[in-house]
Full PDB file with SEQRES, HELIX, SHEET, SSBOND, CRYST1, ORIGX, SCALE, CONECT and MASTER records, all heavy atoms in Angstrom:
SEQRES   1 A   35  ALA GLY MET GLN TYR ILE ASP ASP PHE THR ASN ALA ARG          
SEQRES   2 A   35  HIS HIS ALA ARG PRO GLN ASP ARG LEU GLU ALA VAL ARG          
SEQRES   3 A   35  LYS ALA ALA GLN GLY PHE ARG GLU ARG                          
HELIX    1 AA1 PRO A   18  GLU A   34  1                                  17    
CRYST1    1.000    1.000    1.000  90.00  90.00  90.00 P 1           1          
ORIGX1      1.000000  0.000000  0.000000        0.00000                         
ORIGX2      0.000000  1.000000  0.000000        0.00000                         
ORIGX3      0.000000  0.000000  1.000000        0.00000                         
SCALE1      1.000000  0.000000  0.000000        0.00000                         
SCALE2      0.000000  1.000000  0.000000        0.00000                         
SCALE3      0.000000  0.000000  1.000000        0.00000                         
ATOM      1  N   ALA A   1     -22.759 -15.862  42.974  1.00  0.00           N  
ATOM      2  CA  ALA A   1     -22.959 -14.561  42.298  1.00  0.00           C  
ATOM      3  C   ALA A   1     -21.627 -13.952  41.999  1.00  0.00           C  
ATOM      4  O   ALA A   1     -20.663 -14.017  42.763  1.00  0.00           O  
ATOM      5  CB  ALA A   1     -23.806 -13.638  43.168  1.00  0.00           C  
ATOM      6  N   GLY A   2     -21.552 -13.304  40.863  1.00  0.00           N  
ATOM      7  CA  GLY A   2     -20.315 -12.669  40.429  1.00  0.00           C  
ATOM      8  C   GLY A   2     -19.409 -13.496  39.555  1.00  0.00           C  
ATOM      9  O   GLY A   2     -18.367 -12.994  39.110  1.00  0.00           O  
ATOM     10  N   MET A   3     -19.787 -14.765  39.336  1.00  0.00           N  
ATOM     11  CA  MET A   3     -19.071 -15.660  38.407  1.00  0.00           C  
ATOM     12  C   MET A   3     -19.964 -16.040  37.300  1.00  0.00           C  
ATOM     13  O   MET A   3     -21.199 -15.997  37.415  1.00  0.00           O  
ATOM     14  CB  MET A   3     -18.547 -16.923  39.172  1.00  0.00           C  
ATOM     15  CG  MET A   3     -17.665 -16.705  40.304  1.00  0.00           C  
ATOM     16  SD  MET A   3     -17.178 -18.392  41.053  1.00  0.00           S  
ATOM     17  CE  MET A   3     -16.459 -17.825  42.561  1.00  0.00           C  
ATOM     18  N   GLN A   4     -19.383 -16.505  36.172  1.00  0.00           N  
ATOM     19  CA  GLN A   4     -20.209 -17.100  35.134  1.00  0.00           C  
ATOM     20  C   GLN A   4     -19.413 -18.166  34.376  1.00  0.00           C  
ATOM     21  O   GLN A   4     -18.175 -18.153  34.395  1.00  0.00           O  
ATOM     22  CB  GLN A   4     -20.630 -15.989  34.133  1.00  0.00           C  
ATOM     23  CG  GLN A   4     -19.547 -15.338  33.357  1.00  0.00           C  
ATOM     24  CD  GLN A   4     -20.050 -14.221  32.425  1.00  0.00           C  
ATOM     25  OE1 GLN A   4     -21.100 -13.654  32.669  1.00  0.00           O  
ATOM     26  NE2 GLN A   4     -19.256 -13.915  31.427  1.00  0.00           N  
ATOM     27  N   TYR A   5     -20.136 -19.047  33.753  1.00  0.00           N  
ATOM     28  CA  TYR A   5     -19.474 -20.110  32.936  1.00  0.00           C  
ATOM     29  C   TYR A   5     -18.955 -19.504  31.630  1.00  0.00           C  
ATOM     30  O   TYR A   5     -19.455 -18.577  31.123  1.00  0.00           O  
ATOM     31  CB  TYR A   5     -20.447 -21.254  32.651  1.00  0.00           C  
ATOM     32  CG  TYR A   5     -20.531 -22.241  33.842  1.00  0.00           C  
ATOM     33  CD1 TYR A   5     -21.712 -22.305  34.563  1.00  0.00           C  
ATOM     34  CD2 TYR A   5     -19.507 -23.067  34.157  1.00  0.00           C  
ATOM     35  CE1 TYR A   5     -21.820 -23.204  35.662  1.00  0.00           C  
ATOM     36  CE2 TYR A   5     -19.523 -23.970  35.250  1.00  0.00           C  
ATOM     37  CZ  TYR A   5     -20.732 -24.020  35.945  1.00  0.00           C  
ATOM     38  OH  TYR A   5     -20.810 -24.887  37.034  1.00  0.00           O  
ATOM     39  N   ILE A   6     -17.917 -20.143  31.185  1.00  0.00           N  
ATOM     40  CA  ILE A   6     -17.278 -19.751  29.877  1.00  0.00           C  
ATOM     41  C   ILE A   6     -17.679 -20.839  28.873  1.00  0.00           C  
ATOM     42  O   ILE A   6     -17.460 -22.024  29.143  1.00  0.00           O  
ATOM     43  CB  ILE A   6     -15.727 -19.721  30.003  1.00  0.00           C  
ATOM     44  CG1 ILE A   6     -15.317 -18.589  30.996  1.00  0.00           C  
ATOM     45  CG2 ILE A   6     -15.082 -19.576  28.643  1.00  0.00           C  
ATOM     46  CD1 ILE A   6     -13.915 -18.658  31.389  1.00  0.00           C  
ATOM     47  N   ASP A   7     -18.186 -20.455  27.737  1.00  0.00           N  
ATOM     48  CA  ASP A   7     -18.611 -21.454  26.757  1.00  0.00           C  
ATOM     49  C   ASP A   7     -17.640 -21.522  25.512  1.00  0.00           C  
ATOM     50  O   ASP A   7     -17.925 -22.201  24.576  1.00  0.00           O  
ATOM     51  CB  ASP A   7     -20.017 -21.128  26.233  1.00  0.00           C  
ATOM     52  CG  ASP A   7     -20.211 -19.784  25.565  1.00  0.00           C  
ATOM     53  OD1 ASP A   7     -19.180 -19.116  25.400  1.00  0.00           O  
ATOM     54  OD2 ASP A   7     -21.370 -19.377  25.270  1.00  0.00           O  
ATOM     55  N   ASP A   8     -16.530 -20.851  25.634  1.00  0.00           N  
ATOM     56  CA  ASP A   8     -15.581 -20.862  24.511  1.00  0.00           C  
ATOM     57  C   ASP A   8     -15.127 -22.238  24.077  1.00  0.00           C  
ATOM     58  O   ASP A   8     -14.819 -22.503  22.935  1.00  0.00           O  
ATOM     59  CB  ASP A   8     -14.307 -20.012  24.836  1.00  0.00           C  
ATOM     60  CG  ASP A   8     -14.628 -18.584  25.130  1.00  0.00           C  
ATOM     61  OD1 ASP A   8     -15.408 -18.299  26.071  1.00  0.00           O  
ATOM     62  OD2 ASP A   8     -14.126 -17.668  24.431  1.00  0.00           O  
ATOM     63  N   PHE A   9     -15.027 -23.126  25.031  1.00  0.00           N  
ATOM     64  CA  PHE A   9     -14.451 -24.490  24.799  1.00  0.00           C  
ATOM     65  C   PHE A   9     -15.523 -25.560  24.745  1.00  0.00           C  
ATOM     66  O   PHE A   9     -15.181 -26.732  24.653  1.00  0.00           O  
ATOM     67  CB  PHE A   9     -13.428 -24.774  25.866  1.00  0.00           C  
ATOM     68  CG  PHE A   9     -12.305 -23.759  25.963  1.00  0.00           C  
ATOM     69  CD1 PHE A   9     -12.384 -22.743  26.904  1.00  0.00           C  
ATOM     70  CD2 PHE A   9     -11.229 -23.756  25.038  1.00  0.00           C  
ATOM     71  CE1 PHE A   9     -11.362 -21.783  26.965  1.00  0.00           C  
ATOM     72  CE2 PHE A   9     -10.274 -22.781  25.107  1.00  0.00           C  
ATOM     73  CZ  PHE A   9     -10.310 -21.830  26.097  1.00  0.00           C  
ATOM     74  N   THR A  10     -16.761 -25.218  24.792  1.00  0.00           N  
ATOM     75  CA  THR A  10     -17.842 -26.231  24.809  1.00  0.00           C  
ATOM     76  C   THR A  10     -17.814 -26.965  23.535  1.00  0.00           C  
ATOM     77  O   THR A  10     -17.694 -26.451  22.406  1.00  0.00           O  
ATOM     78  CB  THR A  10     -19.198 -25.430  24.914  1.00  0.00           C  
ATOM     79  OG1 THR A  10     -19.226 -24.672  26.134  1.00  0.00           O  
ATOM     80  CG2 THR A  10     -20.386 -26.490  24.964  1.00  0.00           C  
ATOM     81  N   ASN A  11     -17.794 -28.307  23.656  1.00  0.00           N  
ATOM     82  CA  ASN A  11     -17.811 -29.271  22.543  1.00  0.00           C  
ATOM     83  C   ASN A  11     -16.508 -29.282  21.736  1.00  0.00           C  
ATOM     84  O   ASN A  11     -16.462 -30.071  20.724  1.00  0.00           O  
ATOM     85  CB  ASN A  11     -18.999 -29.005  21.602  1.00  0.00           C  
ATOM     86  CG  ASN A  11     -20.349 -29.129  22.213  1.00  0.00           C  
ATOM     87  OD1 ASN A  11     -20.513 -29.952  23.139  1.00  0.00           O  
ATOM     88  ND2 ASN A  11     -21.312 -28.339  21.859  1.00  0.00           N  
ATOM     89  N   ALA A  12     -15.495 -28.544  22.107  1.00  0.00           N  
ATOM     90  CA  ALA A  12     -14.255 -28.550  21.335  1.00  0.00           C  
ATOM     91  C   ALA A  12     -13.549 -29.905  21.360  1.00  0.00           C  
ATOM     92  O   ALA A  12     -12.823 -30.241  20.428  1.00  0.00           O  
ATOM     93  CB  ALA A  12     -13.309 -27.411  21.866  1.00  0.00           C  
ATOM     94  N   ARG A  13     -13.767 -30.705  22.397  1.00  0.00           N  
ATOM     95  CA  ARG A  13     -13.151 -32.000  22.512  1.00  0.00           C  
ATOM     96  C   ARG A  13     -14.044 -33.175  22.068  1.00  0.00           C  
ATOM     97  O   ARG A  13     -13.696 -34.301  22.323  1.00  0.00           O  
ATOM     98  CB  ARG A  13     -12.634 -32.208  23.952  1.00  0.00           C  
ATOM     99  CG  ARG A  13     -11.579 -31.285  24.401  1.00  0.00           C  
ATOM    100  CD  ARG A  13     -11.108 -31.537  25.776  1.00  0.00           C  
ATOM    101  NE  ARG A  13     -10.314 -30.469  26.356  1.00  0.00           N  
ATOM    102  CZ  ARG A  13      -8.999 -30.583  26.682  1.00  0.00           C  
ATOM    103  NH1 ARG A  13      -8.362 -31.757  26.583  1.00  0.00           N  
ATOM    104  NH2 ARG A  13      -8.320 -29.567  27.176  1.00  0.00           N  
ATOM    105  N   HIS A  14     -15.142 -32.855  21.443  1.00  0.00           N  
ATOM    106  CA  HIS A  14     -16.080 -33.917  21.101  1.00  0.00           C  
ATOM    107  C   HIS A  14     -15.807 -34.592  19.767  1.00  0.00           C  
ATOM    108  O   HIS A  14     -16.489 -35.535  19.387  1.00  0.00           O  
ATOM    109  CB  HIS A  14     -17.512 -33.346  21.115  1.00  0.00           C  
ATOM    110  CG  HIS A  14     -18.046 -33.096  22.484  1.00  0.00           C  
ATOM    111  ND1 HIS A  14     -19.299 -32.699  22.725  1.00  0.00           N  
ATOM    112  CD2 HIS A  14     -17.426 -33.160  23.711  1.00  0.00           C  
ATOM    113  CE1 HIS A  14     -19.499 -32.598  24.031  1.00  0.00           C  
ATOM    114  NE2 HIS A  14     -18.373 -32.817  24.647  1.00  0.00           N  
ATOM    115  N   HIS A  15     -14.793 -34.170  19.048  1.00  0.00           N  
ATOM    116  CA  HIS A  15     -14.431 -34.768  17.800  1.00  0.00           C  
ATOM    117  C   HIS A  15     -13.858 -36.195  18.017  1.00  0.00           C  
ATOM    118  O   HIS A  15     -13.156 -36.402  18.975  1.00  0.00           O  
ATOM    119  CB  HIS A  15     -13.458 -33.937  17.013  1.00  0.00           C  
ATOM    120  CG  HIS A  15     -13.942 -32.587  16.590  1.00  0.00           C  
ATOM    121  ND1 HIS A  15     -14.687 -32.376  15.574  1.00  0.00           N  
ATOM    122  CD2 HIS A  15     -13.817 -31.351  17.283  1.00  0.00           C  
ATOM    123  CE1 HIS A  15     -15.063 -31.043  15.472  1.00  0.00           C  
ATOM    124  NE2 HIS A  15     -14.490 -30.473  16.506  1.00  0.00           N  
ATOM    125  N   ALA A  16     -14.101 -37.040  17.136  1.00  0.00           N  
ATOM    126  CA  ALA A  16     -13.623 -38.489  17.255  1.00  0.00           C  
ATOM    127  C   ALA A  16     -12.144 -38.572  17.012  1.00  0.00           C  
ATOM    128  O   ALA A  16     -11.441 -39.371  17.668  1.00  0.00           O  
ATOM    129  CB  ALA A  16     -14.376 -39.372  16.241  1.00  0.00           C  
ATOM    130  N   ARG A  17     -11.617 -37.750  16.131  1.00  0.00           N  
ATOM    131  CA  ARG A  17     -10.197 -37.847  15.745  1.00  0.00           C  
ATOM    132  C   ARG A  17      -9.385 -36.888  16.616  1.00  0.00           C  
ATOM    133  O   ARG A  17      -9.630 -35.757  16.779  1.00  0.00           O  
ATOM    134  CB  ARG A  17      -9.967 -37.450  14.317  1.00  0.00           C  
ATOM    135  CG  ARG A  17     -10.764 -38.317  13.362  1.00  0.00           C  
ATOM    136  CD  ARG A  17     -10.261 -38.274  11.899  1.00  0.00           C  
ATOM    137  NE  ARG A  17      -9.987 -36.959  11.406  1.00  0.00           N  
ATOM    138  CZ  ARG A  17      -9.398 -36.727  10.277  1.00  0.00           C  
ATOM    139  NH1 ARG A  17      -9.031 -37.737   9.503  1.00  0.00           N  
ATOM    140  NH2 ARG A  17      -9.178 -35.474   9.896  1.00  0.00           N  
ATOM    141  N   PRO A  18      -8.333 -37.476  17.275  1.00  0.00           N  
ATOM    142  CA  PRO A  18      -7.469 -36.583  18.160  1.00  0.00           C  
ATOM    143  C   PRO A  18      -6.991 -35.317  17.518  1.00  0.00           C  
ATOM    144  O   PRO A  18      -6.998 -34.264  18.197  1.00  0.00           O  
ATOM    145  CB  PRO A  18      -6.381 -37.531  18.589  1.00  0.00           C  
ATOM    146  CG  PRO A  18      -6.915 -38.914  18.460  1.00  0.00           C  
ATOM    147  CD  PRO A  18      -7.867 -38.828  17.282  1.00  0.00           C  
ATOM    148  N   GLN A  19      -6.570 -35.381  16.338  1.00  0.00           N  
ATOM    149  CA  GLN A  19      -5.997 -34.196  15.670  1.00  0.00           C  
ATOM    150  C   GLN A  19      -7.135 -33.144  15.475  1.00  0.00           C  
ATOM    151  O   GLN A  19      -6.840 -31.931  15.598  1.00  0.00           O  
ATOM    152  CB  GLN A  19      -5.384 -34.479  14.314  1.00  0.00           C  
ATOM    153  CG  GLN A  19      -4.040 -35.174  14.359  1.00  0.00           C  
ATOM    154  CD  GLN A  19      -3.393 -35.312  13.050  1.00  0.00           C  
ATOM    155  OE1 GLN A  19      -3.863 -34.880  12.038  1.00  0.00           O  
ATOM    156  NE2 GLN A  19      -2.210 -35.990  13.045  1.00  0.00           N  
ATOM    157  N   ASP A  20      -8.302 -33.593  15.211  1.00  0.00           N  
ATOM    158  CA  ASP A  20      -9.376 -32.628  15.124  1.00  0.00           C  
ATOM    159  C   ASP A  20      -9.738 -31.988  16.449  1.00  0.00           C  
ATOM    160  O   ASP A  20     -10.067 -30.812  16.525  1.00  0.00           O  
ATOM    161  CB  ASP A  20     -10.712 -33.333  14.562  1.00  0.00           C  
ATOM    162  CG  ASP A  20     -10.539 -33.749  13.109  1.00  0.00           C  
ATOM    163  OD1 ASP A  20      -9.606 -33.240  12.454  1.00  0.00           O  
ATOM    164  OD2 ASP A  20     -11.341 -34.618  12.661  1.00  0.00           O  
ATOM    165  N   ARG A  21      -9.631 -32.798  17.538  1.00  0.00           N  
ATOM    166  CA  ARG A  21      -9.846 -32.286  18.845  1.00  0.00           C  
ATOM    167  C   ARG A  21      -8.786 -31.190  19.176  1.00  0.00           C  
ATOM    168  O   ARG A  21      -9.080 -30.078  19.718  1.00  0.00           O  
ATOM    169  CB  ARG A  21      -9.780 -33.357  19.942  1.00  0.00           C  
ATOM    170  CG  ARG A  21     -10.960 -34.313  19.900  1.00  0.00           C  
ATOM    171  CD  ARG A  21     -11.135 -35.075  21.218  1.00  0.00           C  
ATOM    172  NE  ARG A  21      -9.978 -35.921  21.552  1.00  0.00           N  
ATOM    173  CZ  ARG A  21      -9.888 -37.205  21.131  1.00  0.00           C  
ATOM    174  NH1 ARG A  21     -10.831 -37.708  20.317  1.00  0.00           N  
ATOM    175  NH2 ARG A  21      -8.857 -37.921  21.491  1.00  0.00           N  
ATOM    176  N   LEU A  22      -7.570 -31.515  18.876  1.00  0.00           N  
ATOM    177  CA  LEU A  22      -6.469 -30.556  19.129  1.00  0.00           C  
ATOM    178  C   LEU A  22      -6.729 -29.258  18.376  1.00  0.00           C  
ATOM    179  O   LEU A  22      -6.557 -28.163  18.951  1.00  0.00           O  
ATOM    180  CB  LEU A  22      -5.135 -31.176  18.632  1.00  0.00           C  
ATOM    181  CG  LEU A  22      -3.895 -30.230  18.741  1.00  0.00           C  
ATOM    182  CD1 LEU A  22      -3.621 -29.807  20.180  1.00  0.00           C  
ATOM    183  CD2 LEU A  22      -2.658 -30.945  18.168  1.00  0.00           C  
ATOM    184  N   GLU A  23      -7.023 -29.339  17.137  1.00  0.00           N  
ATOM    185  CA  GLU A  23      -7.208 -28.075  16.321  1.00  0.00           C  
ATOM    186  C   GLU A  23      -8.459 -27.280  16.786  1.00  0.00           C  
ATOM    187  O   GLU A  23      -8.407 -26.048  16.752  1.00  0.00           O  
ATOM    188  CB  GLU A  23      -7.228 -28.374  14.825  1.00  0.00           C  
ATOM    189  CG  GLU A  23      -5.924 -28.923  14.345  1.00  0.00           C  
ATOM    190  CD  GLU A  23      -4.705 -28.093  14.726  1.00  0.00           C  
ATOM    191  OE1 GLU A  23      -4.790 -26.866  14.700  1.00  0.00           O  
ATOM    192  OE2 GLU A  23      -3.698 -28.690  15.182  1.00  0.00           O  
ATOM    193  N   ALA A  24      -9.453 -28.004  17.216  1.00  0.00           N  
ATOM    194  CA  ALA A  24     -10.702 -27.313  17.665  1.00  0.00           C  
ATOM    195  C   ALA A  24     -10.352 -26.572  18.960  1.00  0.00           C  
ATOM    196  O   ALA A  24     -10.783 -25.436  19.209  1.00  0.00           O  
ATOM    197  CB  ALA A  24     -11.840 -28.307  17.888  1.00  0.00           C  
ATOM    198  N   VAL A  25      -9.623 -27.234  19.849  1.00  0.00           N  
ATOM    199  CA  VAL A  25      -9.227 -26.590  21.119  1.00  0.00           C  
ATOM    200  C   VAL A  25      -8.288 -25.417  20.847  1.00  0.00           C  
ATOM    201  O   VAL A  25      -8.426 -24.359  21.454  1.00  0.00           O  
ATOM    202  CB  VAL A  25      -8.637 -27.617  22.095  1.00  0.00           C  
ATOM    203  CG1 VAL A  25      -7.919 -26.924  23.274  1.00  0.00           C  
ATOM    204  CG2 VAL A  25      -9.682 -28.586  22.555  1.00  0.00           C  
ATOM    205  N   ARG A  26      -7.372 -25.612  19.900  1.00  0.00           N  
ATOM    206  CA  ARG A  26      -6.433 -24.502  19.608  1.00  0.00           C  
ATOM    207  C   ARG A  26      -7.154 -23.284  19.101  1.00  0.00           C  
ATOM    208  O   ARG A  26      -6.915 -22.153  19.480  1.00  0.00           O  
ATOM    209  CB  ARG A  26      -5.390 -24.967  18.591  1.00  0.00           C  
ATOM    210  CG  ARG A  26      -4.201 -23.999  18.417  1.00  0.00           C  
ATOM    211  CD  ARG A  26      -3.369 -24.298  17.182  1.00  0.00           C  
ATOM    212  NE  ARG A  26      -3.023 -25.646  16.983  1.00  0.00           N  
ATOM    213  CZ  ARG A  26      -1.913 -26.255  17.481  1.00  0.00           C  
ATOM    214  NH1 ARG A  26      -1.125 -25.560  18.238  1.00  0.00           N  
ATOM    215  NH2 ARG A  26      -1.687 -27.494  17.220  1.00  0.00           N  
ATOM    216  N   LYS A  27      -8.091 -23.528  18.225  1.00  0.00           N  
ATOM    217  CA  LYS A  27      -8.909 -22.390  17.636  1.00  0.00           C  
ATOM    218  C   LYS A  27      -9.717 -21.734  18.778  1.00  0.00           C  
ATOM    219  O   LYS A  27      -9.761 -20.497  18.825  1.00  0.00           O  
ATOM    220  CB  LYS A  27      -9.829 -22.910  16.583  1.00  0.00           C  
ATOM    221  CG  LYS A  27     -10.700 -21.836  15.880  1.00  0.00           C  
ATOM    222  CD  LYS A  27     -11.536 -22.439  14.787  1.00  0.00           C  
ATOM    223  CE  LYS A  27     -12.352 -21.341  14.140  1.00  0.00           C  
ATOM    224  NZ  LYS A  27     -13.213 -21.904  13.034  1.00  0.00           N  
ATOM    225  N   ALA A  28     -10.335 -22.523  19.596  1.00  0.00           N  
ATOM    226  CA  ALA A  28     -11.089 -21.959  20.732  1.00  0.00           C  
ATOM    227  C   ALA A  28     -10.196 -21.124  21.652  1.00  0.00           C  
ATOM    228  O   ALA A  28     -10.581 -20.061  22.123  1.00  0.00           O  
ATOM    229  CB  ALA A  28     -11.808 -23.048  21.517  1.00  0.00           C  
ATOM    230  N   ALA A  29      -8.991 -21.607  21.912  1.00  0.00           N  
ATOM    231  CA  ALA A  29      -8.091 -20.979  22.786  1.00  0.00           C  
ATOM    232  C   ALA A  29      -7.573 -19.659  22.174  1.00  0.00           C  
ATOM    233  O   ALA A  29      -7.409 -18.640  22.907  1.00  0.00           O  
ATOM    234  CB  ALA A  29      -6.806 -21.798  23.074  1.00  0.00           C  
ATOM    235  N   GLN A  30      -7.386 -19.594  20.895  1.00  0.00           N  
ATOM    236  CA  GLN A  30      -7.017 -18.332  20.196  1.00  0.00           C  
ATOM    237  C   GLN A  30      -8.090 -17.349  20.349  1.00  0.00           C  
ATOM    238  O   GLN A  30      -7.861 -16.146  20.609  1.00  0.00           O  
ATOM    239  CB  GLN A  30      -6.737 -18.650  18.726  1.00  0.00           C  
ATOM    240  CG  GLN A  30      -5.407 -19.458  18.525  1.00  0.00           C  
ATOM    241  CD  GLN A  30      -5.221 -19.913  17.099  1.00  0.00           C  
ATOM    242  OE1 GLN A  30      -6.199 -20.048  16.334  1.00  0.00           O  
ATOM    243  NE2 GLN A  30      -4.035 -20.228  16.730  1.00  0.00           N  
ATOM    244  N   GLY A  31      -9.353 -17.745  20.180  1.00  0.00           N  
ATOM    245  CA  GLY A  31     -10.518 -16.852  20.352  1.00  0.00           C  
ATOM    246  C   GLY A  31     -10.613 -16.331  21.776  1.00  0.00           C  
ATOM    247  O   GLY A  31     -10.892 -15.144  21.992  1.00  0.00           O  
ATOM    248  N   PHE A  32     -10.436 -17.269  22.719  1.00  0.00           N  
ATOM    249  CA  PHE A  32     -10.476 -16.843  24.120  1.00  0.00           C  
ATOM    250  C   PHE A  32      -9.383 -15.875  24.426  1.00  0.00           C  
ATOM    251  O   PHE A  32      -9.641 -14.807  25.113  1.00  0.00           O  
ATOM    252  CB  PHE A  32     -10.381 -18.048  25.025  1.00  0.00           C  
ATOM    253  CG  PHE A  32     -10.384 -17.706  26.530  1.00  0.00           C  
ATOM    254  CD1 PHE A  32     -11.568 -17.584  27.158  1.00  0.00           C  
ATOM    255  CD2 PHE A  32      -9.178 -17.550  27.162  1.00  0.00           C  
ATOM    256  CE1 PHE A  32     -11.583 -17.204  28.511  1.00  0.00           C  
ATOM    257  CE2 PHE A  32      -9.129 -17.204  28.555  1.00  0.00           C  
ATOM    258  CZ  PHE A  32     -10.334 -16.987  29.207  1.00  0.00           C  
ATOM    259  N   ARG A  33      -8.197 -16.112  23.965  1.00  0.00           N  
ATOM    260  CA  ARG A  33      -7.053 -15.137  24.190  1.00  0.00           C  
ATOM    261  C   ARG A  33      -7.405 -13.801  23.708  1.00  0.00           C  
ATOM    262  O   ARG A  33      -7.198 -12.778  24.382  1.00  0.00           O  
ATOM    263  CB  ARG A  33      -5.791 -15.682  23.549  1.00  0.00           C  
ATOM    264  CG  ARG A  33      -4.675 -14.650  23.597  1.00  0.00           C  
ATOM    265  CD  ARG A  33      -3.314 -15.229  23.090  1.00  0.00           C  
ATOM    266  NE  ARG A  33      -2.374 -14.179  22.886  1.00  0.00           N  
ATOM    267  CZ  ARG A  33      -1.676 -13.634  23.872  1.00  0.00           C  
ATOM    268  NH1 ARG A  33      -1.829 -14.031  25.060  1.00  0.00           N  
ATOM    269  NH2 ARG A  33      -0.788 -12.645  23.577  1.00  0.00           N  
ATOM    270  N   GLU A  34      -7.900 -13.703  22.478  1.00  0.00           N  
ATOM    271  CA  GLU A  34      -8.252 -12.373  21.890  1.00  0.00           C  
ATOM    272  C   GLU A  34      -9.277 -11.683  22.713  1.00  0.00           C  
ATOM    273  O   GLU A  34      -9.183 -10.445  22.949  1.00  0.00           O  
ATOM    274  CB  GLU A  34      -8.764 -12.582  20.457  1.00  0.00           C  
ATOM    275  CG  GLU A  34      -7.672 -13.073  19.506  1.00  0.00           C  
ATOM    276  CD  GLU A  34      -8.240 -13.434  18.120  1.00  0.00           C  
ATOM    277  OE1 GLU A  34      -9.456 -13.206  17.864  1.00  0.00           O  
ATOM    278  OE2 GLU A  34      -7.480 -13.993  17.242  1.00  0.00           O  
ATOM    279  N   ARG A  35     -10.254 -12.359  23.207  1.00  0.00           N  
ATOM    280  CA  ARG A  35     -11.276 -11.758  24.039  1.00  0.00           C  
ATOM    281  C   ARG A  35     -10.719 -11.374  25.412  1.00  0.00           C  
ATOM    282  O   ARG A  35     -10.945 -10.275  25.898  1.00  0.00           O  
ATOM    283  CB  ARG A  35     -12.458 -12.722  24.202  1.00  0.00           C  
ATOM    284  CG  ARG A  35     -13.527 -12.185  25.160  1.00  0.00           C  
ATOM    285  CD  ARG A  35     -14.768 -13.103  25.201  1.00  0.00           C  
ATOM    286  NE  ARG A  35     -14.506 -14.390  25.856  1.00  0.00           N  
ATOM    287  CZ  ARG A  35     -14.449 -14.509  27.212  1.00  0.00           C  
ATOM    288  NH1 ARG A  35     -14.601 -13.485  27.993  1.00  0.00           N  
ATOM    289  NH2 ARG A  35     -14.240 -15.725  27.741  1.00  0.00           N  
TER     290      ARG A  35                                                      
MASTER        0    0    0    1    0    0    0    6  289    1    0    3          
END                                                                             
């Protein structure tokens, strides 16, 4: 109790191409930072 899962990065690494994974994670990280 008192904790919760974060879904900001869910599926961000599921892209087949490494560069796509990197950019998806970067975008998710930017959103997480703002929040």
